[in-house]
Amino acid sequence: MKSPAALFIALVFAILFSLIAYRVSVHFSQLPEAGDAAVASAPPAPSDAAAPEAPVRPPSQQQAADAIARASEVQAAVQAFYETNQAWPRSLAALSLGNPDQFADASVAAISIQPNGVVAISMKPHVARGGVIRLVPTAQADGAVSWECRATNYPAATRLPDCR
């Protein structure tokens, strides 16, 4: 019979190996698929010289910008609802937009409506554990709606020029 110390050491190594294998699998699950690699490596098409180029962002900031762009449909619906009803919607159902998780993709877990018309974009744990981007509407005196971006537990989003 093996000694308890040897069994304990074997158990610790098995747990460590499992944790490392899990972390590696989460890290590599974000790689593009074989079909996507050809699209990503294709040379850029020539564009109009007068058109300004979009700034090049690190992947984490690009995910944050994509998440905000993904919420634009919800943001526009909240704004239209307020302009029509002079009140903020309480949920996606009030906007006839379905479920929060229908807006999910590789980085976004869900998009929902919080009190006062706030559009909350919850990020998936492999992007930012507990990361949330909030698009906060403010009604102006003339009836227009202005938006402010705030991020919680998501440093990449706070590095965007229009999101603090």
Protein backbone atom coordinates (compact mmCIF):
# COMPACT_ATOMS: atom_id res chain seq x y z
CA MET A 1 0.00 0.00 0.00
CA LYS A 2 1.25 3.46 -0.88
CA SER A 3 1.86 6.00 1.82
CA PRO A 4 -0.74 8.74 2.35
CA ALA A 5 1.87 11.40 1.51
CA ALA A 6 2.50 9.91 -1.93
CA LEU A 7 -1.24 9.72 -2.63
CA PHE A 8 -1.68 13.32 -1.51
CA ILE A 9 1.13 14.51 -3.80
CA ALA A 10 -0.36 12.58 -6.73
CA LEU A 11 -3.76 14.17 -6.02
CA VAL A 12 -2.26 17.69 -5.91
CA PHE A 13 -0.49 17.12 -9.24
CA ALA A 14 -3.69 15.78 -10.80
CA ILE A 15 -5.62 18.86 -9.67
CA LEU A 16 -2.92 21.24 -10.92
CA PHE A 17 -2.79 19.48 -14.28
CA SER A 18 -6.59 19.71 -14.58
CA LEU A 19 -6.58 23.44 -13.84
CA ILE A 20 -3.81 24.10 -16.35
CA ALA A 21 -5.57 22.03 -19.01
CA TYR A 22 -8.82 23.95 -18.40
CA ARG A 23 -7.08 27.34 -18.63
CA VAL A 24 -5.32 26.36 -21.86
CA SER A 25 -8.58 25.13 -23.39
CA VAL A 26 -10.35 28.40 -22.50
CA HIS A 27 -7.47 30.42 -23.94
CA PHE A 28 -7.38 28.53 -27.23
CA SER A 29 -11.16 28.37 -27.62
CA GLN A 30 -11.01 31.97 -28.91
CA LEU A 31 -8.85 31.12 -31.92
CA PRO A 32 -10.52 31.53 -35.33
CA GLU A 33 -11.66 28.41 -37.09
CA ALA A 34 -9.89 27.18 -40.22
CA GLY A 35 -12.41 28.89 -42.53
CA ASP A 36 -12.09 32.18 -40.65
CA ALA A 37 -8.28 32.19 -40.86
CA ALA A 38 -8.35 32.58 -44.64
CA VAL A 39 -10.66 35.56 -44.34
CA ALA A 40 -8.55 37.15 -41.60
CA SER A 41 -5.28 36.73 -43.54
CA ALA A 42 -6.63 38.06 -46.83
CA PRO A 43 -4.93 41.29 -47.90
CA PRO A 44 -7.00 44.41 -47.34
CA ALA A 45 -8.89 45.71 -50.35
CA PRO A 46 -7.70 49.03 -51.71
CA SER A 47 -9.82 51.85 -50.37
CA ASP A 48 -10.48 55.45 -51.20
CA ALA A 49 -7.46 57.55 -50.21
CA ALA A 50 -9.69 60.31 -48.85
CA ALA A 51 -11.48 58.01 -46.38
CA PRO A 52 -9.97 58.13 -42.87
CA GLU A 53 -8.81 54.82 -41.47
CA ALA A 54 -10.29 53.42 -38.27
CA PRO A 55 -7.81 53.37 -35.39
CA VAL A 56 -6.05 50.07 -34.81
CA ARG A 57 -7.00 48.74 -31.39
CA PRO A 58 -5.68 45.84 -29.34
CA PRO A 59 -7.96 42.76 -29.49
CA SER A 60 -9.41 43.39 -26.02
CA GLN A 61 -10.39 46.96 -26.92
CA GLN A 62 -11.76 45.76 -30.26
CA GLN A 63 -14.00 43.28 -28.38
CA ALA A 64 -15.28 46.15 -26.22
CA ALA A 65 -15.96 48.31 -29.29
CA ASP A 66 -17.72 45.39 -31.00
CA ALA A 67 -19.86 44.82 -27.91
CA ILE A 68 -20.95 48.47 -27.92
CA ALA A 69 -21.72 48.23 -31.64
CA ARG A 70 -23.74 45.04 -31.00
CA ALA A 71 -25.89 46.99 -28.52
CA SER A 72 -26.68 49.77 -31.02
CA GLU A 73 -30.00 48.16 -31.99
CA VAL A 74 -31.10 48.06 -28.34
CA GLN A 75 -29.78 51.58 -27.76
CA ALA A 76 -31.78 52.92 -30.74
CA ALA A 77 -34.92 51.12 -29.54
CA VAL A 78 -34.56 52.61 -26.03
CA GLN A 79 -34.14 56.08 -27.50
CA ALA A 80 -37.18 55.68 -29.78
CA PHE A 81 -39.26 54.33 -26.87
CA TYR A 82 -38.34 57.35 -24.73
CA GLU A 83 -39.06 59.85 -27.49
CA THR A 84 -42.49 58.27 -28.04
CA ASN A 85 -43.55 57.62 -24.42
CA GLN A 86 -41.47 60.10 -22.38
CA ALA A 87 -40.59 57.17 -20.11
CA TRP A 88 -37.75 54.63 -20.08
CA PRO A 89 -38.48 50.99 -21.00
CA ARG A 90 -38.18 48.46 -18.19
CA SER A 91 -37.08 45.46 -20.25
CA LEU A 92 -36.28 44.13 -23.70
CA ALA A 93 -39.81 42.74 -23.80
CA ALA A 94 -41.20 46.29 -23.63
CA LEU A 95 -39.19 46.97 -26.79
CA SER A 96 -40.24 43.67 -28.44
CA LEU A 97 -36.59 42.68 -28.76
CA GLY A 98 -36.72 39.19 -27.22
CA ASN A 99 -34.34 37.72 -24.65
CA PRO A 100 -31.10 39.22 -23.29
CA ASP A 101 -29.04 36.22 -24.43
CA GLN A 102 -30.18 36.45 -28.06
CA PHE A 103 -27.57 39.21 -28.51
CA ALA A 104 -24.75 36.90 -27.35
CA ASP A 105 -21.67 36.24 -29.44
CA ALA A 106 -18.08 35.18 -28.78
CA SER A 107 -17.51 38.00 -26.26
CA VAL A 108 -20.97 39.22 -25.22
CA ALA A 109 -22.96 37.06 -22.79
CA ALA A 110 -26.16 39.15 -22.87
CA ILE A 111 -27.58 42.61 -23.42
CA SER A 112 -30.36 43.79 -21.12
CA ILE A 113 -32.26 46.88 -20.00
CA GLN A 114 -31.72 48.12 -16.45
CA PRO A 115 -33.68 50.81 -14.57
CA ASN A 116 -33.81 54.27 -16.19
CA GLY A 117 -33.22 52.85 -19.68
CA VAL A 118 -29.61 51.80 -19.07
CA VAL A 119 -28.41 49.30 -21.69
CA ALA A 120 -26.20 46.74 -19.91
CA ILE A 121 -23.78 44.63 -21.95
CA SER A 122 -22.54 41.66 -19.91
CA MET A 123 -19.28 40.19 -21.15
CA LYS A 124 -18.39 36.50 -21.13
CA PRO A 125 -16.01 35.37 -18.36
CA HIS A 126 -13.11 34.59 -20.72
CA VAL A 127 -13.22 38.23 -21.92
CA ALA A 128 -13.72 39.99 -18.58
CA ARG A 129 -14.94 38.13 -15.51
CA GLY A 130 -17.83 40.23 -14.20
CA GLY A 131 -17.26 42.81 -16.94
CA VAL A 132 -20.22 45.02 -17.80
CA ILE A 133 -20.48 47.95 -20.17
CA ARG A 134 -23.37 50.28 -19.41
CA LEU A 135 -24.76 52.75 -21.93
CA VAL A 136 -26.50 55.35 -19.76
CA PRO A 137 -29.12 57.58 -21.41
CA THR A 138 -29.85 61.13 -20.29
CA ALA A 139 -32.89 63.07 -21.44
CA GLN A 140 -32.03 66.61 -22.54
CA ALA A 141 -34.33 69.61 -22.06
CA ASP A 142 -35.17 69.65 -25.78
CA GLY A 143 -36.36 66.01 -25.63
CA ALA A 144 -33.22 64.54 -27.22
CA VAL A 145 -31.36 61.67 -25.58
CA SER A 146 -27.60 61.69 -25.00
CA TRP A 147 -25.61 58.58 -24.09
CA GLU A 148 -22.67 58.00 -21.77
CA CYS A 149 -20.62 54.81 -21.68
CA ARG A 150 -19.40 53.38 -18.36
CA ALA A 151 -17.56 50.13 -17.77
CA THR A 152 -17.23 47.99 -14.66
CA ASN A 153 -14.61 45.24 -14.21
CA TYR A 154 -13.53 45.66 -17.84
CA PRO A 155 -10.32 47.71 -18.18
CA ALA A 156 -10.19 47.36 -21.98
CA ALA A 157 -13.51 49.21 -22.29
CA THR A 158 -12.32 52.04 -20.07
CA ARG A 159 -9.43 52.62 -22.49
CA LEU A 160 -11.86 53.47 -25.29
CA PRO A 161 -12.00 57.25 -25.78
CA ASP A 162 -15.77 57.47 -25.28
CA CYS A 163 -16.18 54.97 -22.43
CA ARG A 164 -14.94 55.58 -18.88
